[in-house]
Amino acid sequence: MGKDDYTELLKNELLEKELNRMLTITEAAEIIGNSCFSLRRYADEGRIKVYRIGTGRHRRFRKRDVLEFLEKNSE
């Protein structure tokens, strides 16, 4: 494996890590250009995957899911 191969592998790993990053509802709403209220509704309707975190059951959204939602709903 050459230097370019390692560089490409590192880029792919970093991209994958970023896409799997968990976002707060505020961060996710900002990406899709909607309010937190709307994003909660989309999650409750099953239109976007939501993860419940901690004892307070805070909502978190995986960046990959947010970008997929944005792509599907911007047509």
N, C-alpha and C. Protein backbone atom coordinates (compact mmCIF):
# COMPACT_ATOMS: atom_id res chain seq x y z
N MET A 1 0.85 -1.18 0.00
CA MET A 1 0.00 0.00 0.00
C MET A 1 0.89 1.24 0.00
N GLY A 2 0.59 2.14 -0.90
CA GLY A 2 1.37 3.37 -0.98
C GLY A 2 0.79 4.47 -0.12
N LYS A 3 1.48 5.60 -0.10
CA LYS A 3 1.06 6.75 0.70
C LYS A 3 -0.32 7.23 0.30
N ASP A 4 -0.60 7.26 -1.01
CA ASP A 4 -1.91 7.71 -1.49
C ASP A 4 -3.02 6.77 -1.03
N ASP A 5 -2.73 5.48 -0.97
CA ASP A 5 -3.72 4.51 -0.50
C ASP A 5 -4.07 4.76 0.97
N TYR A 6 -3.05 5.02 1.78
CA TYR A 6 -3.28 5.31 3.20
C TYR A 6 -4.05 6.62 3.37
N THR A 7 -3.72 7.59 2.56
CA THR A 7 -4.42 8.88 2.62
C THR A 7 -5.89 8.69 2.28
N GLU A 8 -6.17 7.92 1.25
CA GLU A 8 -7.56 7.66 0.84
C GLU A 8 -8.30 6.88 1.92
N LEU A 9 -7.65 5.91 2.50
CA LEU A 9 -8.25 5.12 3.58
C LEU A 9 -8.59 6.00 4.77
N LEU A 10 -7.69 6.88 5.14
CA LEU A 10 -7.91 7.80 6.26
C LEU A 10 -9.08 8.73 5.96
N LYS A 11 -9.14 9.26 4.74
CA LYS A 11 -10.25 10.14 4.35
C LYS A 11 -11.57 9.41 4.47
N ASN A 12 -11.61 8.16 4.00
CA ASN A 12 -12.85 7.38 4.07
C ASN A 12 -13.26 7.11 5.51
N GLU A 13 -12.30 6.81 6.36
CA GLU A 13 -12.60 6.56 7.77
C GLU A 13 -13.12 7.83 8.45
N LEU A 14 -12.52 8.96 8.15
CA LEU A 14 -12.97 10.23 8.73
C LEU A 14 -14.36 10.59 8.24
N LEU A 15 -14.64 10.36 6.96
CA LEU A 15 -15.97 10.64 6.41
C LEU A 15 -17.01 9.75 7.08
N GLU A 16 -16.69 8.48 7.22
CA GLU A 16 -17.62 7.54 7.86
C GLU A 16 -17.89 7.96 9.31
N LYS A 17 -16.85 8.35 10.02
CA LYS A 17 -17.01 8.80 11.41
C LYS A 17 -17.91 10.04 11.48
N GLU A 18 -17.71 10.98 10.56
CA GLU A 18 -18.51 12.20 10.54
C GLU A 18 -19.97 11.89 10.22
N LEU A 19 -20.22 10.98 9.28
CA LEU A 19 -21.59 10.64 8.91
C LEU A 19 -22.32 9.92 10.04
N ASN A 20 -21.59 9.24 10.90
CA ASN A 20 -22.21 8.53 12.03
C ASN A 20 -22.30 9.39 13.28
N ARG A 21 -21.82 10.62 13.21
CA ARG A 21 -21.84 11.52 14.36
C ARG A 21 -23.29 11.81 14.76
N MET A 22 -23.53 11.81 16.07
CA MET A 22 -24.87 12.10 16.58
C MET A 22 -25.03 13.60 16.76
N LEU A 23 -26.17 14.10 16.29
CA LEU A 23 -26.47 15.53 16.35
C LEU A 23 -27.58 15.79 17.35
N THR A 24 -27.54 16.96 17.96
CA THR A 24 -28.66 17.39 18.80
C THR A 24 -29.81 17.77 17.88
N ILE A 25 -30.96 17.93 18.46
CA ILE A 25 -32.12 18.31 17.66
C ILE A 25 -31.92 19.69 17.02
N THR A 26 -31.24 20.58 17.73
CA THR A 26 -30.97 21.92 17.18
C THR A 26 -30.04 21.84 15.98
N GLU A 27 -28.98 21.04 16.09
CA GLU A 27 -28.04 20.88 14.97
C GLU A 27 -28.72 20.25 13.76
N ALA A 28 -29.53 19.22 14.01
CA ALA A 28 -30.21 18.54 12.91
C ALA A 28 -31.24 19.46 12.24
N ALA A 29 -31.98 20.21 13.05
CA ALA A 29 -32.98 21.13 12.50
C ALA A 29 -32.31 22.20 11.65
N GLU A 30 -31.16 22.65 12.07
CA GLU A 30 -30.42 23.66 11.31
C GLU A 30 -30.00 23.11 9.94
N ILE A 31 -29.56 21.87 9.90
CA ILE A 31 -29.15 21.26 8.63
C ILE A 31 -30.32 21.14 7.66
N ILE A 32 -31.48 20.72 8.17
CA ILE A 32 -32.62 20.55 7.26
C ILE A 32 -33.38 21.84 7.02
N GLY A 33 -33.07 22.87 7.77
CA GLY A 33 -33.71 24.16 7.55
C GLY A 33 -35.13 24.23 8.07
N ASN A 34 -35.39 23.50 9.15
CA ASN A 34 -36.71 23.51 9.78
C ASN A 34 -36.55 23.75 11.27
N SER A 35 -37.68 23.92 11.93
CA SER A 35 -37.66 24.14 13.37
C SER A 35 -37.48 22.82 14.12
N CYS A 36 -37.10 22.94 15.37
CA CYS A 36 -36.99 21.76 16.23
C CYS A 36 -38.35 21.09 16.38
N PHE A 37 -39.39 21.89 16.45
CA PHE A 37 -40.75 21.36 16.56
C PHE A 37 -41.08 20.48 15.36
N SER A 38 -40.76 20.96 14.15
CA SER A 38 -41.03 20.17 12.93
C SER A 38 -40.22 18.88 12.94
N LEU A 39 -38.98 18.97 13.34
CA LEU A 39 -38.12 17.79 13.36
C LEU A 39 -38.65 16.76 14.36
N ARG A 40 -39.13 17.21 15.51
CA ARG A 40 -39.74 16.28 16.48
C ARG A 40 -40.94 15.58 15.84
N ARG A 41 -41.75 16.35 15.12
CA ARG A 41 -42.93 15.78 14.46
C ARG A 41 -42.52 14.74 13.42
N TYR A 42 -41.51 15.06 12.60
CA TYR A 42 -41.03 14.10 11.59
C TYR A 42 -40.56 12.81 12.26
N ALA A 43 -39.87 12.94 13.39
CA ALA A 43 -39.38 11.76 14.11
C ALA A 43 -40.56 10.96 14.67
N ASP A 44 -41.53 11.65 15.24
CA ASP A 44 -42.71 10.97 15.80
C ASP A 44 -43.50 10.26 14.71
N GLU A 45 -43.50 10.81 13.50
CA GLU A 45 -44.21 10.21 12.36
C GLU A 45 -43.40 9.10 11.70
N GLY A 46 -42.15 8.92 12.14
CA GLY A 46 -41.30 7.89 11.57
C GLY A 46 -40.63 8.29 10.26
N ARG A 47 -40.65 9.57 9.94
CA ARG A 47 -40.06 10.04 8.69
C ARG A 47 -38.55 10.18 8.77
N ILE A 48 -38.02 10.27 10.00
CA ILE A 48 -36.58 10.34 10.21
C ILE A 48 -36.25 9.53 11.46
N LYS A 49 -35.16 8.80 11.40
CA LYS A 49 -34.74 7.96 12.53
C LYS A 49 -34.24 8.84 13.67
N VAL A 50 -34.72 8.52 14.87
CA VAL A 50 -34.30 9.26 16.06
C VAL A 50 -33.79 8.27 17.10
N TYR A 51 -32.81 8.68 17.86
CA TYR A 51 -32.24 7.87 18.93
C TYR A 51 -32.49 8.59 20.23
N ARG A 52 -32.91 7.84 21.26
CA ARG A 52 -33.15 8.42 22.58
C ARG A 52 -31.93 8.13 23.45
N ILE A 53 -31.37 9.18 24.03
CA ILE A 53 -30.11 9.08 24.76
C ILE A 53 -30.31 9.47 26.22
N GLY A 54 -29.71 8.70 27.12
CA GLY A 54 -29.66 9.07 28.53
C GLY A 54 -30.97 8.92 29.28
N THR A 55 -30.93 9.30 30.54
CA THR A 55 -32.10 9.16 31.40
C THR A 55 -33.19 10.15 31.02
N GLY A 56 -32.80 11.29 30.49
CA GLY A 56 -33.78 12.28 30.05
C GLY A 56 -34.37 11.95 28.69
N ARG A 57 -33.82 10.89 28.07
CA ARG A 57 -34.30 10.42 26.77
C ARG A 57 -34.22 11.51 25.71
N HIS A 58 -33.13 12.27 25.75
CA HIS A 58 -32.91 13.33 24.77
C HIS A 58 -32.85 12.74 23.37
N ARG A 59 -33.36 13.47 22.41
CA ARG A 59 -33.36 13.01 21.02
C ARG A 59 -32.02 13.34 20.38
N ARG A 60 -31.49 12.37 19.65
CA ARG A 60 -30.29 12.57 18.86
C ARG A 60 -30.54 12.00 17.47
N PHE A 61 -29.91 12.62 16.51
CA PHE A 61 -30.09 12.24 15.12
C PHE A 61 -28.72 11.96 14.51
N ARG A 62 -28.60 10.85 13.81
CA ARG A 62 -27.34 10.53 13.14
C ARG A 62 -27.23 11.41 11.90
N LYS A 63 -26.08 12.01 11.70
CA LYS A 63 -25.89 12.95 10.59
C LYS A 63 -26.24 12.31 9.26
N ARG A 64 -25.88 11.06 9.07
CA ARG A 64 -26.20 10.33 7.83
C ARG A 64 -27.72 10.32 7.59
N ASP A 65 -28.50 10.05 8.65
CA ASP A 65 -29.95 10.01 8.52
C ASP A 65 -30.53 11.38 8.18
N VAL A 66 -29.96 12.42 8.79
CA VAL A 66 -30.41 13.79 8.52
C VAL A 66 -30.16 14.15 7.06
N LEU A 67 -28.99 13.83 6.55
CA LEU A 67 -28.66 14.15 5.16
C LEU A 67 -29.53 13.34 4.19
N GLU A 68 -29.82 12.08 4.52
CA GLU A 68 -30.71 11.27 3.68
C GLU A 68 -32.12 11.85 3.69
N PHE A 69 -32.59 12.27 4.86
CA PHE A 69 -33.91 12.89 4.96
C PHE A 69 -33.96 14.15 4.10
N LEU A 70 -32.93 14.95 4.20
CA LEU A 70 -32.86 16.19 3.43
C LEU A 70 -32.90 15.90 1.93
N GLU A 71 -32.16 14.90 1.50
CA GLU A 71 -32.12 14.54 0.09
C GLU A 71 -33.49 14.06 -0.41
N LYS A 72 -34.17 13.23 0.38
CA LYS A 72 -35.48 12.69 -0.01
C LYS A 72 -36.55 13.77 -0.03
N ASN A 73 -36.43 14.77 0.82
CA ASN A 73 -37.49 15.76 0.98
C ASN A 73 -37.20 17.09 0.31
N SER A 74 -36.16 17.15 -0.49
CA SER A 74 -35.86 18.42 -1.16
C SER A 74 -36.14 18.34 -2.66
N GLU A 75 -36.79 17.26 -3.07
CA GLU A 75 -37.10 17.08 -4.50
C GLU A 75 -38.33 17.85 -4.90
